[in-house]
PDB file of N, CA and C in Angstrom:
ATOM      1  N   UNK A   1       9.565  -4.011  -9.411  1.00  0.00           N
ATOM      2  CA  UNK A   1       8.595  -4.006  -8.448  1.00  0.00           C
ATOM      3  C   UNK A   1       7.484  -4.865  -8.656  1.00  0.00           C
ATOM      4  N   UNK A   2       7.211  -6.055  -8.054  1.00  0.00           N
ATOM      5  CA  UNK A   2       6.061  -6.910  -8.603  1.00  0.00           C
ATOM      6  C   UNK A   2       5.210  -7.323  -7.335  1.00  0.00           C
ATOM      7  N   UNK A   3       4.119  -7.923  -7.756  1.00  0.00           N
ATOM      8  CA  UNK A   3       3.443  -8.430  -6.532  1.00  0.00           C
ATOM      9  C   UNK A   3       2.462  -9.621  -7.474  1.00  0.00           C
ATOM     10  N   UNK A   4       1.730 -10.347  -6.438  1.00  0.00           N
ATOM     11  CA  UNK A   4       0.732 -11.123  -7.004  1.00  0.00           C
ATOM     12  C   UNK A   4      -0.265 -11.468  -6.135  1.00  0.00           C
ATOM     13  N   UNK A   5      -1.535 -11.897  -6.402  1.00  0.00           N
ATOM     14  CA  UNK A   5      -2.497 -12.122  -5.497  1.00  0.00           C
ATOM     15  C   UNK A   5      -2.526 -13.532  -5.275  1.00  0.00           C
ATOM     16  N   UNK A   6      -2.976 -14.216  -4.149  1.00  0.00           N
ATOM     17  CA  UNK A   6      -3.208 -15.388  -4.024  1.00  0.00           C
ATOM     18  C   UNK A   6      -4.279 -15.836  -3.002  1.00  0.00           C
ATOM     19  N   UNK A   7      -4.921 -16.978  -3.119  1.00  0.00           N
ATOM     20  CA  UNK A   7      -6.014 -17.279  -2.238  1.00  0.00           C
ATOM     21  C   UNK A   7      -5.615 -17.494  -0.800  1.00  0.00           C
ATOM     22  N   UNK A   8      -6.369 -17.005   0.075  1.00  0.00           N
ATOM     23  CA  UNK A   8      -6.002 -17.198   1.532  1.00  0.00           C
ATOM     24  C   UNK A   8      -7.222 -17.482   2.263  1.00  0.00           C
ATOM     25  N   UNK A   9      -7.375 -18.315   3.352  1.00  0.00           N
ATOM     26  CA  UNK A   9      -8.402 -18.726   3.985  1.00  0.00           C
ATOM     27  C   UNK A   9      -9.249 -17.489   4.384  1.00  0.00           C
ATOM     28  N   UNK A  10      -8.487 -16.449   4.970  1.00  0.00           N
ATOM     29  CA  UNK A  10      -9.322 -15.389   5.423  1.00  0.00           C
ATOM     30  C   UNK A  10      -9.801 -14.408   4.442  1.00  0.00           C
ATOM     31  N   UNK A  11      -9.238 -14.373   3.216  1.00  0.00           N
ATOM     32  CA  UNK A  11      -9.766 -13.320   2.180  1.00  0.00           C
ATOM     33  C   UNK A  11      -8.761 -13.558   1.035  1.00  0.00           C
ATOM     34  N   UNK A  12      -7.926 -12.753   0.671  1.00  0.00           N
ATOM     35  CA  UNK A  12      -7.169 -12.713  -0.413  1.00  0.00           C
ATOM     36  C   UNK A  12      -5.736 -12.132   0.212  1.00  0.00           C
ATOM     37  N   UNK A  13      -4.721 -12.897  -0.395  1.00  0.00           N
ATOM     38  CA  UNK A  13      -3.336 -12.510   0.029  1.00  0.00           C
ATOM     39  C   UNK A  13      -2.507 -11.674  -1.161  1.00  0.00           C
ATOM     40  N   UNK A  14      -1.621 -10.937  -0.748  1.00  0.00           N
ATOM     41  CA  UNK A  14      -0.710 -10.337  -1.643  1.00  0.00           C
ATOM     42  C   UNK A  14       0.761 -10.759  -1.371  1.00  0.00           C
ATOM     43  N   UNK A  15       1.439 -11.265  -2.338  1.00  0.00           N
ATOM     44  CA  UNK A  15       2.761 -11.582  -2.207  1.00  0.00           C
ATOM     45  C   UNK A  15       3.614 -10.580  -3.081  1.00  0.00           C
ATOM     46  N   UNK A  16       4.508  -9.985  -2.272  1.00  0.00           N
ATOM     47  CA  UNK A  16       5.295  -8.862  -2.981  1.00  0.00           C
ATOM     48  C   UNK A  16       6.784  -9.048  -2.931  1.00  0.00           C
ATOM     49  N   UNK A  17       7.257  -8.259  -4.063  1.00  0.00           N
ATOM     50  CA  UNK A  17       8.704  -8.673  -4.225  1.00  0.00           C
ATOM     51  C   UNK A  17       9.319  -7.271  -4.539  1.00  0.00           C
ATOM     52  N   UNK A  18      10.557  -7.351  -4.195  1.00  0.00           N
ATOM     53  CA  UNK A  18      11.419  -5.976  -4.544  1.00  0.00           C
ATOM     54  C   UNK A  18      12.952  -6.417  -4.041  1.00  0.00           C
ATOM     55  N   UNK A  19      13.883  -5.409  -4.647  1.00  0.00           N
ATOM     56  CA  UNK A  19      15.353  -5.798  -4.317  1.00  0.00           C
ATOM     57  C   UNK A  19      15.732  -5.384  -2.881  1.00  0.00           C
ATOM     58  N   UNK A  20      14.731  -4.556  -2.388  1.00  0.00           N
ATOM     59  CA  UNK A  20      14.902  -4.020  -0.981  1.00  0.00           C
ATOM     60  C   UNK A  20      13.534  -4.241  -0.134  1.00  0.00           C
ATOM     61  N   UNK A  21      13.674  -4.160   1.042  1.00  0.00           N
ATOM     62  CA  UNK A  21      12.347  -4.310   1.888  1.00  0.00           C
ATOM     63  C   UNK A  21      11.456  -3.009   1.496  1.00  0.00           C
ATOM     64  N   UNK A  22      11.985  -1.914   1.097  1.00  0.00           N
ATOM     65  CA  UNK A  22      11.190  -0.855   0.870  1.00  0.00           C
ATOM     66  C   UNK A  22      10.409  -0.917  -0.521  1.00  0.00           C
ATOM     67  N   UNK A  23      11.324  -1.628  -1.405  1.00  0.00           N
ATOM     68  CA  UNK A  23      10.511  -1.748  -2.642  1.00  0.00           C
ATOM     69  C   UNK A  23       9.480  -2.918  -2.507  1.00  0.00           C
ATOM     70  N   UNK A  24       9.770  -3.998  -1.737  1.00  0.00           N
ATOM     71  CA  UNK A  24       8.618  -4.983  -1.540  1.00  0.00           C
ATOM     72  C   UNK A  24       7.315  -4.383  -0.808  1.00  0.00           C
ATOM     73  N   UNK A  25       7.625  -3.452   0.036  1.00  0.00           N
ATOM     74  CA  UNK A  25       6.516  -2.697   0.732  1.00  0.00           C
ATOM     75  C   UNK A  25       5.776  -1.905  -0.199  1.00  0.00           C
ATOM     76  N   UNK A  26       6.411  -1.340  -1.234  1.00  0.00           N
ATOM     77  CA  UNK A  26       5.714  -0.362  -2.247  1.00  0.00           C
ATOM     78  C   UNK A  26       4.960  -1.371  -3.187  1.00  0.00           C
ATOM     79  N   UNK A  27       5.560  -2.474  -3.414  1.00  0.00           N
ATOM     80  CA  UNK A  27       4.737  -3.465  -4.321  1.00  0.00           C
ATOM     81  C   UNK A  27       3.590  -4.077  -3.486  1.00  0.00           C
ATOM     82  N   UNK A  28       3.640  -4.304  -2.146  1.00  0.00           N
ATOM     83  CA  UNK A  28       2.620  -4.749  -1.542  1.00  0.00           C
ATOM     84  C   UNK A  28       1.426  -3.781  -1.438  1.00  0.00           C
ATOM     85  N   UNK A  29       1.759  -2.555  -1.284  1.00  0.00           N
ATOM     86  CA  UNK A  29       0.817  -1.566  -1.399  1.00  0.00           C
ATOM     87  C   UNK A  29      -0.008  -1.398  -2.734  1.00  0.00           C
ATOM     88  N   UNK A  30       0.733  -1.526  -3.805  1.00  0.00           N
ATOM     89  CA  UNK A  30       0.238  -1.633  -5.019  1.00  0.00           C
ATOM     90  C   UNK A  30      -0.676  -2.892  -5.265  1.00  0.00           C
ATOM     91  N   UNK A  31      -0.257  -3.948  -4.732  1.00  0.00           N
ATOM     92  CA  UNK A  31      -1.119  -5.188  -4.729  1.00  0.00           C
ATOM     93  C   UNK A  31      -2.530  -5.012  -3.954  1.00  0.00           C
ATOM     94  N   UNK A  32      -2.414  -4.202  -2.955  1.00  0.00           N
ATOM     95  CA  UNK A  32      -3.333  -3.999  -2.019  1.00  0.00           C
ATOM     96  C   UNK A  32      -4.501  -3.177  -2.820  1.00  0.00           C
ATOM     97  N   UNK A  33      -3.923  -2.188  -3.430  1.00  0.00           N
ATOM     98  CA  UNK A  33      -5.000  -1.195  -4.298  1.00  0.00           C
ATOM     99  C   UNK A  33      -5.489  -2.104  -5.561  1.00  0.00           C
ATOM    100  N   UNK A  34      -4.866  -3.097  -6.000  1.00  0.00           N
ATOM    101  CA  UNK A  34      -5.313  -3.838  -7.205  1.00  0.00           C
ATOM    102  C   UNK A  34      -6.455  -4.790  -6.609  1.00  0.00           C
ATOM    103  N   UNK A  35      -6.450  -5.075  -5.462  1.00  0.00           N
ATOM    104  CA  UNK A  35      -7.661  -5.765  -4.778  1.00  0.00           C
ATOM    105  C   UNK A  35      -8.876  -5.047  -5.114  1.00  0.00           C
ATOM    106  N   UNK A  36      -8.899  -3.732  -5.033  1.00  0.00           N
ATOM    107  CA  UNK A  36     -10.176  -2.848  -5.187  1.00  0.00           C
ATOM    108  C   UNK A  36     -10.414  -2.620  -6.506  1.00  0.00           C
ATOM    109  N   UNK A  37      -9.228  -2.362  -7.227  1.00  0.00           N
ATOM    110  CA  UNK A  37      -9.605  -1.817  -8.710  1.00  0.00           C
ATOM    111  C   UNK A  37      -8.301  -2.155  -9.678  1.00  0.00           C
ATOM    112  N   UNK A  38      -8.631  -2.376 -10.875  1.00  0.00           N
ATOM    113  CA  UNK A  38      -7.584  -2.589 -11.864  1.00  0.00           C
ATOM    114  C   UNK A  38      -7.500  -1.408 -12.828  1.00  0.00           C
ATOM    115  N   UNK A  39      -8.187  -0.272 -12.490  1.00  0.00           N
ATOM    116  CA  UNK A  39      -8.360   0.874 -13.300  1.00  0.00           C
ATOM    117  C   UNK A  39      -7.102   1.743 -12.809  1.00  0.00           C
ATOM    118  N   UNK A  40      -6.595   2.432 -13.742  1.00  0.00           N
ATOM    119  CA  UNK A  40      -5.411   3.422 -13.291  1.00  0.00           C
ATOM    120  C   UNK A  40      -5.967   4.464 -12.224  1.00  0.00           C
ATOM    121  N   UNK A  41      -5.101   4.792 -11.291  1.00  0.00           N
ATOM    122  CA  UNK A  41      -5.319   5.738 -10.117  1.00  0.00           C
ATOM    123  C   UNK A  41      -4.473   6.895 -10.432  1.00  0.00           C
ATOM    124  N   UNK A  42      -5.074   8.092 -10.482  1.00  0.00           N
ATOM    125  CA  UNK A  42      -4.213   9.261 -10.722  1.00  0.00           C
ATOM    126  C   UNK A  42      -3.533   9.735  -9.435  1.00  0.00           C
ATOM    127  N   UNK A  43      -2.583  10.491  -9.578  1.00  0.00           N
ATOM    128  CA  UNK A  43      -1.856  11.132  -8.461  1.00  0.00           C
ATOM    129  C   UNK A  43      -2.147  12.362  -8.108  1.00  0.00           C
ATOM    130  N   UNK A  44      -3.314  12.651  -7.814  1.00  0.00           N
ATOM    131  CA  UNK A  44      -3.860  13.814  -7.478  1.00  0.00           C
ATOM    132  C   UNK A  44      -3.720  14.418  -6.045  1.00  0.00           C
ATOM    133  N   UNK A  45      -3.695  13.647  -5.205  1.00  0.00           N
ATOM    134  CA  UNK A  45      -3.341  13.766  -3.689  1.00  0.00           C
ATOM    135  C   UNK A  45      -2.377  13.109  -3.228  1.00  0.00           C
ATOM    136  N   UNK A  46      -1.543  13.684  -2.096  1.00  0.00           N
ATOM    137  CA  UNK A  46      -0.363  12.935  -1.505  1.00  0.00           C
ATOM    138  C   UNK A  46      -0.736  12.877  -0.039  1.00  0.00           C
ATOM    139  N   UNK A  47      -0.351  11.711   0.583  1.00  0.00           N
ATOM    140  CA  UNK A  47      -0.712  11.543   1.894  1.00  0.00           C
ATOM    141  C   UNK A  47       0.737  11.007   2.511  1.00  0.00           C
ATOM    142  N   UNK A  48       1.230  11.612   3.530  1.00  0.00           N
ATOM    143  CA  UNK A  48       2.494  11.041   4.078  1.00  0.00           C
ATOM    144  C   UNK A  48       2.158  10.288   5.381  1.00  0.00           C
ATOM    145  N   UNK A  49       2.733   9.234   5.503  1.00  0.00           N
ATOM    146  CA  UNK A  49       2.585   8.169   6.528  1.00  0.00           C
ATOM    147  C   UNK A  49       3.857   7.711   7.206  1.00  0.00           C
ATOM    148  N   UNK A  50       3.766   7.423   8.567  1.00  0.00           N
ATOM    149  CA  UNK A  50       4.924   6.962   9.339  1.00  0.00           C
ATOM    150  C   UNK A  50       4.354   5.805  10.196  1.00  0.00           C
ATOM    151  N   UNK A  51       5.264   4.890  10.223  1.00  0.00           N
ATOM    152  CA  UNK A  51       4.901   3.590  11.127  1.00  0.00           C
ATOM    153  C   UNK A  51       6.170   3.219  11.826  1.00  0.00           C
ATOM    154  N   UNK A  52       6.053   2.446  12.980  1.00  0.00           N
ATOM    155  CA  UNK A  52       7.215   1.922  13.560  1.00  0.00           C
ATOM    156  C   UNK A  52       6.792   0.657  14.280  1.00  0.00           C
ATOM    157  N   UNK A  53       7.656  -0.314  14.128  1.00  0.00           N
ATOM    158  CA  UNK A  53       7.562  -1.770  14.570  1.00  0.00           C
ATOM    159  C   UNK A  53       8.856  -2.529  14.861  1.00  0.00           C
ATOM    160  N   UNK A  54       8.773  -3.394  15.613  1.00  0.00           N
ATOM    161  CA  UNK A  54       9.982  -4.051  15.902  1.00  0.00           C
ATOM    162  C   UNK A  54      10.714  -4.952  14.965  1.00  0.00           C
ATOM    163  N   UNK A  55       9.896  -5.396  13.938  1.00  0.00           N
ATOM    164  CA  UNK A  55      10.528  -6.266  12.861  1.00  0.00           C
ATOM    165  C   UNK A  55       9.876  -5.875  11.659  1.00  0.00           C
ATOM    166  N   UNK A  56      10.240  -6.421  10.418  1.00  0.00           N
ATOM    167  CA  UNK A  56       9.702  -5.995   9.041  1.00  0.00           C
ATOM    168  C   UNK A  56       8.299  -6.570   8.961  1.00  0.00           C
ATOM    169  N   UNK A  57       8.062  -7.800   9.483  1.00  0.00           N
ATOM    170  CA  UNK A  57       6.766  -8.358   9.213  1.00  0.00           C
ATOM    171  C   UNK A  57       5.681  -7.532   9.898  1.00  0.00           C
ATOM    172  N   UNK A  58       5.768  -7.036  11.202  1.00  0.00           N
ATOM    173  CA  UNK A  58       4.991  -6.036  11.827  1.00  0.00           C
ATOM    174  C   UNK A  58       4.833  -4.720  11.284  1.00  0.00           C
ATOM    175  N   UNK A  59       6.104  -4.340  10.615  1.00  0.00           N
ATOM    176  CA  UNK A  59       6.176  -2.955   9.917  1.00  0.00           C
ATOM    177  C   UNK A  59       5.315  -2.981   8.725  1.00  0.00           C
ATOM    178  N   UNK A  60       5.333  -4.163   7.916  1.00  0.00           N
ATOM    179  CA  UNK A  60       4.501  -4.275   6.620  1.00  0.00           C
ATOM    180  C   UNK A  60       3.084  -4.200   7.099  1.00  0.00           C
ATOM    181  N   UNK A  61       2.684  -5.028   8.189  1.00  0.00           N
ATOM    182  CA  UNK A  61       1.316  -4.811   8.562  1.00  0.00           C
ATOM    183  C   UNK A  61       0.739  -3.548   8.982  1.00  0.00           C
ATOM    184  N   UNK A  62       1.563  -2.779   9.690  1.00  0.00           N
ATOM    185  CA  UNK A  62       1.380  -1.519  10.041  1.00  0.00           C
ATOM    186  C   UNK A  62       1.171  -0.469   8.741  1.00  0.00           C
ATOM    187  N   UNK A  63       2.135  -0.696   7.941  1.00  0.00           N
ATOM    188  CA  UNK A  63       2.163   0.169   6.436  1.00  0.00           C
ATOM    189  C   UNK A  63       0.823  -0.151   5.935  1.00  0.00           C
ATOM    190  N   UNK A  64       0.345  -1.243   5.615  1.00  0.00           N
ATOM    191  CA  UNK A  64      -0.813  -1.790   5.001  1.00  0.00           C
ATOM    192  C   UNK A  64      -2.119  -1.271   5.660  1.00  0.00           C
ATOM    193  N   UNK A  65      -1.975  -1.322   7.032  1.00  0.00           N
ATOM    194  CA  UNK A  65      -3.239  -0.969   7.817  1.00  0.00           C
ATOM    195  C   UNK A  65      -3.358   0.614   7.730  1.00  0.00           C
ATOM    196  N   UNK A  66      -2.304   1.243   7.705  1.00  0.00           N
ATOM    197  CA  UNK A  66      -2.107   2.828   7.686  1.00  0.00           C
ATOM    198  C   UNK A  66      -2.844   3.149   6.270  1.00  0.00           C
ATOM    199  N   UNK A  67      -2.486   2.440   5.258  1.00  0.00           N
ATOM    200  CA  UNK A  67      -3.083   2.719   3.944  1.00  0.00           C
ATOM    201  C   UNK A  67      -4.511   2.507   3.868  1.00  0.00           C
ATOM    202  N   UNK A  68      -5.062   1.472   4.566  1.00  0.00           N
ATOM    203  CA  UNK A  68      -6.290   0.967   4.434  1.00  0.00           C
ATOM    204  C   UNK A  68      -7.203   2.098   5.171  1.00  0.00           C
ATOM    205  N   UNK A  69      -6.490   2.659   6.244  1.00  0.00           N
ATOM    206  CA  UNK A  69      -7.092   3.594   7.103  1.00  0.00           C
ATOM    207  C   UNK A  69      -7.404   4.904   6.416  1.00  0.00           C
ATOM    208  N   UNK A  70      -6.442   5.226   5.797  1.00  0.00           N
ATOM    209  CA  UNK A  70      -6.174   6.546   4.799  1.00  0.00           C
ATOM    210  C   UNK A  70      -7.339   6.451   3.695  1.00  0.00           C
ATOM    211  N   UNK A  71      -7.378   5.304   3.187  1.00  0.00           N
ATOM    212  CA  UNK A  71      -8.412   4.992   1.875  1.00  0.00           C
ATOM    213  C   UNK A  71      -9.853   5.100   2.512  1.00  0.00           C
ATOM    214  N   UNK A  72     -10.076   4.498   3.717  1.00  0.00           N
ATOM    215  CA  UNK A  72     -11.252   4.518   4.207  1.00  0.00           C
ATOM    216  C   UNK A  72     -11.831   5.811   4.717  1.00  0.00           C
ATOM    217  N   UNK A  73     -10.840   6.517   5.329  1.00  0.00           N
ATOM    218  CA  UNK A  73     -11.360   8.017   5.910  1.00  0.00           C
ATOM    219  C   UNK A  73     -11.315   8.984   4.921  1.00  0.00           C
ATOM    220  N   UNK A  74     -10.429   8.929   3.836  1.00  0.00           N
ATOM    221  CA  UNK A  74     -10.406   9.864   2.757  1.00  0.00           C
ATOM    222  C   UNK A  74     -11.280   9.608   1.559  1.00  0.00           C
ATOM    223  N   UNK A  75     -11.783   8.268   1.656  1.00  0.00           N
ATOM    224  CA  UNK A  75     -12.715   7.834   0.470  1.00  0.00           C
ATOM    225  C   UNK A  75     -11.647   8.029  -0.834  1.00  0.00           C
ATOM    226  N   UNK A  76     -10.640   7.366  -0.641  1.00  0.00           N
ATOM    227  CA  UNK A  76      -9.592   7.468  -1.914  1.00  0.00           C
ATOM    228  C   UNK A  76      -8.794   6.251  -2.159  1.00  0.00           C
ATOM    229  N   UNK A  77      -8.197   6.203  -3.316  1.00  0.00           N
ATOM    230  CA  UNK A  77      -7.463   5.031  -3.648  1.00  0.00           C
ATOM    231  C   UNK A  77      -6.104   5.473  -3.899  1.00  0.00           C
ATOM    232  N   UNK A  78      -5.021   4.881  -3.596  1.00  0.00           N
ATOM    233  CA  UNK A  78      -3.626   5.179  -3.902  1.00  0.00           C
ATOM    234  C   UNK A  78      -3.047   4.195  -5.024  1.00  0.00           C
ATOM    235  N   UNK A  79      -2.206   4.745  -5.916  1.00  0.00           N
ATOM    236  CA  UNK A  79      -1.779   4.036  -7.094  1.00  0.00           C
ATOM    237  C   UNK A  79      -0.115   4.219  -7.116  1.00  0.00           C
ATOM    238  N   UNK A  80       0.337   5.175  -6.329  1.00  0.00           N
ATOM    239  CA  UNK A  80       1.880   5.199  -6.434  1.00  0.00           C
ATOM    240  C   UNK A  80       2.416   5.452  -4.941  1.00  0.00           C
ATOM    241  N   UNK A  81       3.544   4.801  -4.669  1.00  0.00           N
ATOM    242  CA  UNK A  81       4.045   4.699  -3.332  1.00  0.00           C
ATOM    243  C   UNK A  81       5.456   4.980  -3.324  1.00  0.00           C
ATOM    244  N   UNK A  82       5.942   5.580  -2.209  1.00  0.00           N
ATOM    245  CA  UNK A  82       7.369   5.762  -1.935  1.00  0.00           C
ATOM    246  C   UNK A  82       7.593   5.271  -0.329  1.00  0.00           C
ATOM    247  N   UNK A  83       8.537   4.378  -0.138  1.00  0.00           N
ATOM    248  CA  UNK A  83       9.014   3.828   1.132  1.00  0.00           C
ATOM    249  C   UNK A  83      10.358   3.901   1.482  1.00  0.00           C
ATOM    250  N   UNK A  84      10.691   4.556   2.578  1.00  0.00           N
ATOM    251  CA  UNK A  84      11.987   4.698   3.191  1.00  0.00           C
ATOM    252  C   UNK A  84      11.747   3.898   4.557  1.00  0.00           C
ATOM    253  N   UNK A  85      12.719   2.768   4.666  1.00  0.00           N
ATOM    254  CA  UNK A  85      12.858   2.240   5.940  1.00  0.00           C
ATOM    255  C   UNK A  85      14.170   2.302   6.709  1.00  0.00           C
ATOM    256  N   UNK A  86      14.237   2.811   7.964  1.00  0.00           N
ATOM    257  CA  UNK A  86      15.410   2.978   8.708  1.00  0.00           C
ATOM    258  C   UNK A  86      15.127   2.300  10.034  1.00  0.00           C
ATOM    259  N   UNK A  87      15.706   1.110   9.949  1.00  0.00           N
ATOM    260  CA  UNK A  87      15.477   0.347  11.279  1.00  0.00           C
ATOM    261  C   UNK A  87      14.071  -0.174  11.480  1.00  0.00           C
ATOM    262  N   UNK A  88      13.585   0.372  12.451  1.00  0.00           N
ATOM    263  CA  UNK A  88      12.148   0.128  12.992  1.00  0.00           C
ATOM    264  C   UNK A  88      11.267   1.225  12.547  1.00  0.00           C
ATOM    265  N   UNK A  89      11.575   2.038  11.754  1.00  0.00           N
ATOM    266  CA  UNK A  89      10.800   3.149  11.278  1.00  0.00           C
ATOM    267  C   UNK A  89      10.568   3.139   9.757  1.00  0.00           C
ATOM    268  N   UNK A  90       9.464   3.429   9.447  1.00  0.00           N
ATOM    269  CA  UNK A  90       9.019   3.573   8.060  1.00  0.00           C
ATOM    270  C   UNK A  90       8.477   5.036   7.733  1.00  0.00           C
ATOM    271  N   UNK A  91       8.914   5.625   6.707  1.00  0.00           N
ATOM    272  CA  UNK A  91       8.393   6.858   6.171  1.00  0.00           C
ATOM    273  C   UNK A  91       7.788   6.544   4.758  1.00  0.00           C
ATOM    274  N   UNK A  92       6.673   7.092   4.685  1.00  0.00           N
ATOM    275  CA  UNK A  92       6.112   6.716   3.406  1.00  0.00           C
ATOM    276  C   UNK A  92       5.269   7.897   2.751  1.00  0.00           C
ATOM    277  N   UNK A  93       5.109   7.720   1.466  1.00  0.00           N
ATOM    278  CA  UNK A  93       4.090   8.647   0.617  1.00  0.00           C
ATOM    279  C   UNK A  93       3.204   7.816  -0.231  1.00  0.00           C
ATOM    280  N   UNK A  94       1.924   8.087  -0.203  1.00  0.00           N
ATOM    281  CA  UNK A  94       0.943   7.527  -1.040  1.00  0.00           C
ATOM    282  C   UNK A  94       0.365   8.452  -1.959  1.00  0.00           C
ATOM    283  N   UNK A  95       0.250   8.364  -3.227  1.00  0.00           N
ATOM    284  CA  UNK A  95      -0.414   9.298  -4.197  1.00  0.00           C
ATOM    285  C   UNK A  95      -1.786   8.600  -4.734  1.00  0.00           C
ATOM    286  N   UNK A  96      -2.733   9.402  -4.931  1.00  0.00           N
ATOM    287  CA  UNK A  96      -3.965   8.752  -5.395  1.00  0.00           C
ATOM    288  C   UNK A  96      -4.983   9.844  -5.595  1.00  0.00           C
ATOM    289  N   UNK A  97      -6.227   9.223  -5.626  1.00  0.00           N
ATOM    290  CA  UNK A  97      -7.259  10.195  -6.015  1.00  0.00           C
ATOM    291  C   UNK A  97      -8.665   9.712  -5.239  1.00  0.00           C
ATOM    292  N   UNK A  98      -9.617  10.607  -5.225  1.00  0.00           N
ATOM    293  CA  UNK A  98     -11.004  10.317  -4.681  1.00  0.00           C
ATOM    294  C   UNK A  98     -11.595   9.101  -5.455  1.00  0.00           C
ATOM    295  N   UNK A  99     -12.272   8.166  -4.837  1.00  0.00           N
ATOM    296  CA  UNK A  99     -12.796   7.170  -5.374  1.00  0.00           C
ATOM    297  C   UNK A  99     -13.951   7.642  -6.379  1.00  0.00           C
ATOM    298  N   UNK A 100     -13.775   7.080  -7.684  1.00  0.00           N
ATOM    299  CA  UNK A 100     -14.906   7.368  -8.672  1.00  0.00           C
ATOM    300  C   UNK A 100     -15.451   6.057  -8.888  1.00  0.00           C
ATOM    301  N   UNK A 101     -16.612   5.780  -8.382  1.00  0.00           N
ATOM    302  CA  UNK A 101     -17.211   4.368  -8.419  1.00  0.00           C
ATOM    303  C   UNK A 101     -17.485   3.964  -9.914  1.00  0.00           C
ATOM    304  N   UNK A 102     -17.607   5.055 -10.819  1.00  0.00           N
ATOM    305  CA  UNK A 102     -17.830   4.713 -12.335  1.00  0.00           C
ATOM    306  C   UNK A 102     -16.585   4.055 -12.779  1.00  0.00           C
ATOM    307  N   UNK A 103     -15.343   4.565 -12.465  1.00  0.00           N
ATOM    308  CA  UNK A 103     -14.110   4.037 -12.940  1.00  0.00           C
ATOM    309  C   UNK A 103     -13.563   2.972 -12.154  1.00  0.00           C
ATOM    310  N   UNK A 104     -13.551   3.068 -10.778  1.00  0.00           N
ATOM    311  CA  UNK A 104     -12.750   2.261  -9.882  1.00  0.00           C
ATOM    312  C   UNK A 104     -13.899   1.043  -9.741  1.00  0.00           C
TER     313      UNK A 104
END
């Protein structure tokens, strides 16, 4: 599972790779967290997420938006991800910890 950041007119982009779409979605989530911090993120809490969209591009956008929402409302960062994709449906788990401004 790999990802890389790239310059984007709007902000910063994440290009993610995997042998399956689910692995690429996990990599995209890791790349998203890496925009915020390069510090290790402990797996102290777990959040389950579910998304549905008519195609993989929209499903990826929904997945990343759901993660951003959870990070903002829970004031946490995620560092470990599990994704299962079944047609138009995504089931996922994100593990992380509360933001520690001194470390993150």
